[in-house]
């Protein structure tokens, strides 16, 4: 029975891989006779370098190195850490299915340099898998995650929420925020809730001066330079929203993500169909209380497909 299940899964995965390759090839721009491989092989993207992992001689142990361009206030950008953890599971030969949900807790700051991702397949069911992983530097576990993967099938489909209305990204000016390394890897075009350029130096308002909904923002975003969407890329992008306390106060303060959950609402083939286009992100907080606030966000494709939803818990000091 187990052999039959594995054979069915391999056949389905091979068929999906062929469809994905054909579709991605049809979406790629003309190359004027130059092979696409020659155009892409010698120029790697910062993101692909950052999530490059080498398998050790032990099953489920992957070696990586932090990337300077994803530096943040303390340690690397949290989204790239989530992407590195997810990448380890996706590269594992035991992997079956696409990511469905992922929860990652940030336990300690990650230092610049080498790290290891240690993955563990907790349960392998007929159509789902449950994984655990630790990201380790020396004796310290700096992040811990639980993931669920699953085989998506043709079923009843319905979206019970509506995509927010926003001007096309090409009609909006790019947002720039100097002196931040990881932000240079993304392009932001705010429709609403743009963070003031003077936020670093502006005196913060009192709580009574903050209007209801002041933490909300609506922004088109994508990787810079452009890069085709994939699951690690979406995972990182789900953490690219500025902390809601920045928006509510229009001022910068010490802040960090404690935990992030990412729910994926798409499959590999559908992601490939989106190419490297902008995604529309809507984010808001529910409450700021005694040093912690939540952050809820949804991510949409330009054609109205809900790609991912995400929630975070963050600490702040202000």
Protein backbone atom coordinates (compact mmCIF):
# COMPACT_ATOMS: atom_id res chain seq x y z
CA UNK A 1 0.00 0.00 0.00
CA UNK A 2 2.81 2.42 0.93
CA UNK A 3 4.64 1.71 -2.35
CA UNK A 4 1.44 2.38 -4.33
CA UNK A 5 0.87 5.70 -2.53
CA UNK A 6 4.45 6.77 -3.20
CA UNK A 7 4.17 5.78 -6.88
CA UNK A 8 0.95 7.78 -7.27
CA UNK A 9 2.54 10.79 -5.61
CA UNK A 10 5.65 10.60 -7.82
CA UNK A 11 3.54 10.33 -10.97
CA UNK A 12 1.43 13.32 -9.97
CA UNK A 13 4.50 15.38 -9.04
CA UNK A 14 6.23 14.54 -12.34
CA UNK A 15 3.14 15.56 -14.31
CA UNK A 16 2.90 18.84 -12.39
CA UNK A 17 6.61 19.51 -12.90
CA UNK A 18 6.26 19.07 -16.66
CA UNK A 19 3.25 21.43 -16.73
CA UNK A 20 5.16 23.99 -14.66
CA UNK A 21 8.22 23.88 -16.92
CA UNK A 22 6.10 24.25 -20.03
CA UNK A 23 4.12 27.12 -18.56
CA UNK A 24 7.17 28.95 -17.22
CA UNK A 25 8.91 28.57 -20.55
CA UNK A 26 5.91 30.05 -22.34
CA UNK A 27 5.88 33.02 -19.95
CA UNK A 28 9.57 33.82 -20.31
CA UNK A 29 10.40 36.84 -22.47
CA UNK A 30 11.96 36.44 -25.94
CA UNK A 31 15.72 36.07 -25.82
CA UNK A 32 16.55 37.01 -29.42
CA UNK A 33 18.20 33.70 -30.08
CA UNK A 34 20.25 33.66 -26.86
CA UNK A 35 19.50 30.72 -24.58
CA UNK A 36 17.68 31.57 -21.36
CA UNK A 37 20.23 29.54 -19.45
CA UNK A 38 23.05 31.77 -20.69
CA UNK A 39 21.08 34.83 -19.59
CA UNK A 40 20.50 33.60 -16.05
CA UNK A 41 23.35 31.30 -15.11
CA UNK A 42 26.08 33.88 -14.58
CA UNK A 43 24.06 36.57 -12.78
CA UNK A 44 22.61 35.31 -9.53
CA UNK A 45 20.03 37.17 -7.48
CA UNK A 46 20.78 38.27 -3.91
CA UNK A 47 17.80 36.25 -2.70
CA UNK A 48 18.93 33.04 -4.39
CA UNK A 49 22.39 33.49 -2.89
CA UNK A 50 20.88 34.07 0.55
CA UNK A 51 18.77 30.89 0.48
CA UNK A 52 21.53 28.70 -0.98
CA UNK A 53 21.98 25.69 1.29
CA UNK A 54 24.42 22.81 1.03
CA UNK A 55 23.43 19.42 2.38
CA UNK A 56 25.80 17.98 4.94
CA UNK A 57 26.65 14.30 5.23
CA UNK A 58 23.73 13.91 7.66
CA UNK A 59 20.14 13.62 6.50
CA UNK A 60 18.14 16.76 7.22
CA UNK A 61 21.15 18.95 8.04
CA UNK A 62 21.83 21.90 5.73
CA UNK A 63 24.64 24.43 5.85
CA UNK A 64 24.06 28.08 5.01
CA UNK A 65 25.60 31.51 5.39
CA UNK A 66 24.00 34.87 6.14
CA UNK A 67 23.93 37.40 3.29
CA UNK A 68 25.14 40.94 3.90
CA UNK A 69 22.43 42.56 1.77
CA UNK A 70 19.68 41.25 4.08
CA UNK A 71 21.03 42.84 7.25
CA UNK A 72 18.52 44.47 9.60
CA UNK A 73 18.66 46.36 12.91
CA UNK A 74 19.81 43.25 14.81
CA UNK A 75 20.82 40.29 12.68
CA UNK A 76 19.30 39.43 9.30
CA UNK A 77 15.85 40.43 8.02
CA UNK A 78 13.35 37.99 9.56
CA UNK A 79 11.79 37.16 6.20
CA UNK A 80 15.05 35.78 4.84
CA UNK A 81 15.39 33.55 7.92
CA UNK A 82 11.90 32.15 7.26
CA UNK A 83 12.81 31.62 3.60
CA UNK A 84 16.01 29.77 4.52
CA UNK A 85 14.13 27.44 6.83
CA UNK A 86 11.46 26.74 4.22
CA UNK A 87 14.10 26.19 1.55
CA UNK A 88 15.68 23.40 3.59
CA UNK A 89 12.39 21.48 3.67
CA UNK A 90 11.69 22.09 -0.02
CA UNK A 91 15.14 20.75 -0.96
CA UNK A 92 14.80 17.64 1.19
CA UNK A 93 14.40 14.44 -0.85
CA UNK A 94 11.65 13.31 1.55
CA UNK A 95 9.48 16.33 0.75
CA UNK A 96 6.03 15.64 -0.68
CA UNK A 97 3.56 18.35 -1.65
CA UNK A 98 3.59 22.14 -1.44
CA UNK A 99 3.76 24.34 1.67
CA UNK A 100 0.34 24.88 3.26
CA UNK A 101 1.26 26.66 6.50
CA UNK A 102 4.40 27.58 8.41
CA UNK A 103 4.93 29.02 11.89
CA UNK A 104 8.38 30.24 12.85
CA UNK A 105 9.48 31.55 16.26
CA UNK A 106 12.54 33.77 16.49
CA UNK A 107 14.36 32.62 19.63
CA UNK A 108 17.55 34.70 19.55
CA UNK A 109 19.35 37.14 17.25
CA UNK A 110 21.21 35.48 14.38
CA UNK A 111 24.84 36.57 14.06
CA UNK A 112 26.51 37.16 10.71
CA UNK A 113 28.19 34.04 9.41
CA UNK A 114 27.51 30.33 9.12
CA UNK A 115 24.39 28.55 10.32
CA UNK A 116 22.73 25.15 10.01
CA UNK A 117 19.12 24.24 9.30
CA UNK A 118 18.14 20.94 10.89
CA UNK A 119 14.92 19.48 9.54
CA UNK A 120 12.86 16.64 10.98
CA UNK A 121 9.95 14.90 9.26
CA UNK A 122 7.51 14.46 12.14
CA UNK A 123 4.68 12.71 10.30
CA UNK A 124 4.26 11.49 6.74
CA UNK A 125 0.61 10.91 5.85
CA UNK A 126 -0.95 9.99 2.53
CA UNK A 127 -1.49 13.59 1.40
CA UNK A 128 0.16 15.72 4.10
CA UNK A 129 3.51 16.01 5.83
CA UNK A 130 4.42 17.67 9.12
CA UNK A 131 7.94 19.01 9.56
CA UNK A 132 9.90 20.62 12.33
CA UNK A 133 13.12 22.55 11.92
CA UNK A 134 15.71 24.39 13.98
CA UNK A 135 18.10 27.04 12.70
CA UNK A 136 21.29 26.71 14.71
CA UNK A 137 24.49 28.69 15.20
CA UNK A 138 27.01 26.82 17.33
CA UNK A 139 25.20 25.69 20.50
CA UNK A 140 22.36 28.18 20.05
CA UNK A 141 19.00 27.56 18.41
CA UNK A 142 18.10 30.95 16.91
CA UNK A 143 14.80 29.98 15.26
CA UNK A 144 12.33 27.10 15.43
CA UNK A 145 9.55 26.31 12.96
CA UNK A 146 6.73 23.87 12.29
CA UNK A 147 5.52 23.35 8.72
CA UNK A 148 2.75 21.44 7.02
CA UNK A 149 3.00 20.39 3.38
CA UNK A 150 0.16 18.94 1.36
CA UNK A 151 -0.90 17.69 -2.05
CA UNK A 152 -3.48 20.11 -3.47
CA UNK A 153 -6.37 18.58 -5.38
CA UNK A 154 -9.27 19.88 -7.44
CA UNK A 155 -12.03 20.63 -4.91
CA UNK A 156 -14.70 23.19 -4.08
CA UNK A 157 -13.14 26.66 -4.33
CA UNK A 158 -14.41 29.99 -2.99
CA UNK A 159 -12.82 33.22 -1.78
CA UNK A 160 -14.85 34.83 0.99
CA UNK A 161 -12.94 38.11 1.09
CA UNK A 162 -12.42 40.77 -1.56
CA UNK A 163 -9.16 42.15 -2.85
CA UNK A 164 -8.65 45.75 -1.70
CA UNK A 165 -9.01 48.40 -4.39
CA UNK A 166 -5.74 50.13 -5.24
CA UNK A 167 -4.30 52.14 -8.14
CA UNK A 168 -2.05 50.17 -10.49
CA UNK A 169 1.54 50.02 -9.19
CA UNK A 170 2.87 51.75 -12.29
CA UNK A 171 0.88 54.87 -11.32
CA UNK A 172 2.44 55.09 -7.85
CA UNK A 173 5.86 56.39 -6.95
CA UNK A 174 8.45 54.01 -5.48
CA UNK A 175 9.04 54.31 -1.75
CA UNK A 176 12.62 54.75 -0.60
CA UNK A 177 13.96 54.45 2.91
CA UNK A 178 17.71 55.13 3.18
CA UNK A 179 20.24 53.34 5.34
CA UNK A 180 18.46 49.99 5.48
CA UNK A 181 20.16 47.07 3.76
CA UNK A 182 17.34 44.57 3.35
CA UNK A 183 14.85 47.15 2.06
CA UNK A 184 16.99 47.63 -1.03
CA UNK A 185 15.98 44.10 -2.11
CA UNK A 186 12.31 45.10 -2.44
CA UNK A 187 10.28 47.66 -4.34
CA UNK A 188 7.43 49.30 -2.42
CA UNK A 189 4.65 51.39 -3.97
CA UNK A 190 2.17 52.58 -1.35
CA UNK A 191 -1.47 53.17 -2.20
CA UNK A 192 -2.34 54.15 1.39
CA UNK A 193 -0.54 54.32 4.73
CA UNK A 194 2.90 55.29 3.47
CA UNK A 195 5.47 55.70 6.21
CA UNK A 196 6.66 59.30 6.45
CA UNK A 197 10.24 59.86 5.31
CA UNK A 198 10.78 61.88 8.49
CA UNK A 199 9.68 58.98 10.70
CA UNK A 200 13.19 58.40 12.02
CA UNK A 201 13.40 61.93 13.42
CA UNK A 202 9.75 62.90 13.97
CA UNK A 203 8.43 63.28 17.52
CA UNK A 204 5.89 60.47 18.08
CA UNK A 205 2.24 61.34 18.67
CA UNK A 206 0.45 60.50 21.88
CA UNK A 207 -1.99 57.59 21.90
CA UNK A 208 -4.94 59.99 21.81
CA UNK A 209 -3.62 61.55 18.58
CA UNK A 210 -3.56 58.25 16.65
CA UNK A 211 -6.66 57.80 14.52
CA UNK A 212 -8.59 54.54 14.30
CA UNK A 213 -7.04 52.40 11.57
CA UNK A 214 -3.79 54.34 11.75
CA UNK A 215 -1.75 51.15 11.55
CA UNK A 216 -3.25 50.07 8.20
CA UNK A 217 -1.37 50.23 4.91
CA UNK A 218 -1.92 49.07 1.35
CA UNK A 219 1.19 48.56 -0.74
CA UNK A 220 2.32 46.93 -3.98
CA UNK A 221 5.59 45.12 -3.46
CA UNK A 222 7.97 42.79 -5.22
CA UNK A 223 11.61 41.78 -5.14
CA UNK A 224 14.22 44.15 -6.59
CA UNK A 225 15.57 43.40 -9.07
CA UNK A 226 12.61 41.37 -10.28
CA UNK A 227 12.66 37.66 -9.55
CA UNK A 228 10.07 34.96 -10.38
CA UNK A 229 7.84 34.17 -7.42
CA UNK A 230 8.36 30.95 -5.50
CA UNK A 231 7.47 29.74 -2.01
CA UNK A 232 10.61 30.99 -0.23
CA UNK A 233 10.14 34.35 -1.96
CA UNK A 234 6.54 34.61 -0.82
CA UNK A 235 7.53 33.61 2.72
CA UNK A 236 10.08 36.41 2.88
CA UNK A 237 7.72 38.92 1.31
CA UNK A 238 5.13 38.18 4.01
CA UNK A 239 7.56 39.68 6.51
CA UNK A 240 8.41 42.71 4.35
CA UNK A 241 5.61 44.85 5.81
CA UNK A 242 6.90 47.54 8.15
CA UNK A 243 6.00 47.00 11.80
CA UNK A 244 2.53 48.39 12.48
CA UNK A 245 3.81 50.45 15.38
CA UNK A 246 5.87 52.47 12.86
CA UNK A 247 2.72 53.31 10.90
CA UNK A 248 0.55 54.03 13.94
CA UNK A 249 3.09 56.42 15.47
CA UNK A 250 4.84 57.56 12.26
CA UNK A 251 8.05 57.12 14.19
CA UNK A 252 10.73 54.45 14.45
CA UNK A 253 11.35 52.57 17.68
CA UNK A 254 13.06 49.31 18.69
CA UNK A 255 10.92 46.42 17.47
CA UNK A 256 11.21 42.78 16.46
CA UNK A 257 9.13 39.81 15.36
CA UNK A 258 8.62 37.13 18.00
CA UNK A 259 6.57 34.73 15.87
CA UNK A 260 5.22 34.63 12.31
CA UNK A 261 2.67 32.33 10.69
CA UNK A 262 2.34 32.15 6.91
CA UNK A 263 -0.59 30.43 5.19
CA UNK A 264 -0.03 29.70 1.51
CA UNK A 265 -3.13 29.69 -0.71
CA UNK A 266 -1.53 28.67 -3.98
CA UNK A 267 0.43 25.85 -5.56
CA UNK A 268 3.78 25.83 -7.34
CA UNK A 269 2.26 25.92 -10.81
CA UNK A 270 0.02 28.88 -9.96
CA UNK A 271 2.96 30.80 -8.49
CA UNK A 272 4.91 30.22 -11.67
CA UNK A 273 2.01 31.72 -13.63
CA UNK A 274 2.37 34.98 -11.68
CA UNK A 275 5.91 35.50 -12.93
CA UNK A 276 7.74 38.34 -11.18
CA UNK A 277 4.81 40.76 -11.02
CA UNK A 278 3.89 43.00 -8.08
CA UNK A 279 1.77 41.61 -5.26
CA UNK A 280 -0.67 43.77 -3.31
CA UNK A 281 -0.30 43.63 0.46
CA UNK A 282 -2.80 44.91 3.03
CA UNK A 283 -1.63 44.97 6.64
CA UNK A 284 -3.00 46.20 9.96
CA UNK A 285 -2.76 45.64 13.70
CA UNK A 286 -5.55 44.89 16.17
CA UNK A 287 -3.99 46.10 19.41
CA UNK A 288 -0.82 47.56 20.91
CA UNK A 289 -0.51 46.58 24.56
CA UNK A 290 2.29 46.45 27.11
CA UNK A 291 5.12 46.03 24.65
CA UNK A 292 3.52 43.70 22.09
CA UNK A 293 1.29 44.07 19.05
CA UNK A 294 -0.07 41.75 16.43
CA UNK A 295 0.20 42.22 12.66
CA UNK A 296 -2.25 40.73 10.17
CA UNK A 297 -1.72 40.84 6.42
CA UNK A 298 -3.04 39.45 3.15
CA UNK A 299 -1.14 39.22 -0.13
CA UNK A 300 -2.92 39.34 -3.50
CA UNK A 301 -1.87 38.92 -7.11
CA UNK A 302 -2.73 41.65 -9.57
CA UNK A 303 -5.51 39.51 -11.07
CA UNK A 304 -7.26 39.13 -7.69
CA UNK A 305 -5.91 35.82 -6.43
CA UNK A 306 -5.27 35.55 -2.69
CA UNK A 307 -1.69 34.21 -2.57
CA UNK A 308 -1.01 34.19 1.17
CA UNK A 309 -2.22 35.40 4.55
CA UNK A 310 0.07 36.00 7.49
CA UNK A 311 -0.01 36.96 11.14
CA UNK A 312 2.75 38.04 13.49
CA UNK A 313 3.36 38.88 17.10
CA UNK A 314 5.91 41.64 17.61
CA UNK A 315 7.55 43.29 20.61
CA UNK A 316 8.21 47.01 20.69
CA UNK A 317 9.93 49.44 23.04
CA UNK A 318 8.34 52.88 22.91
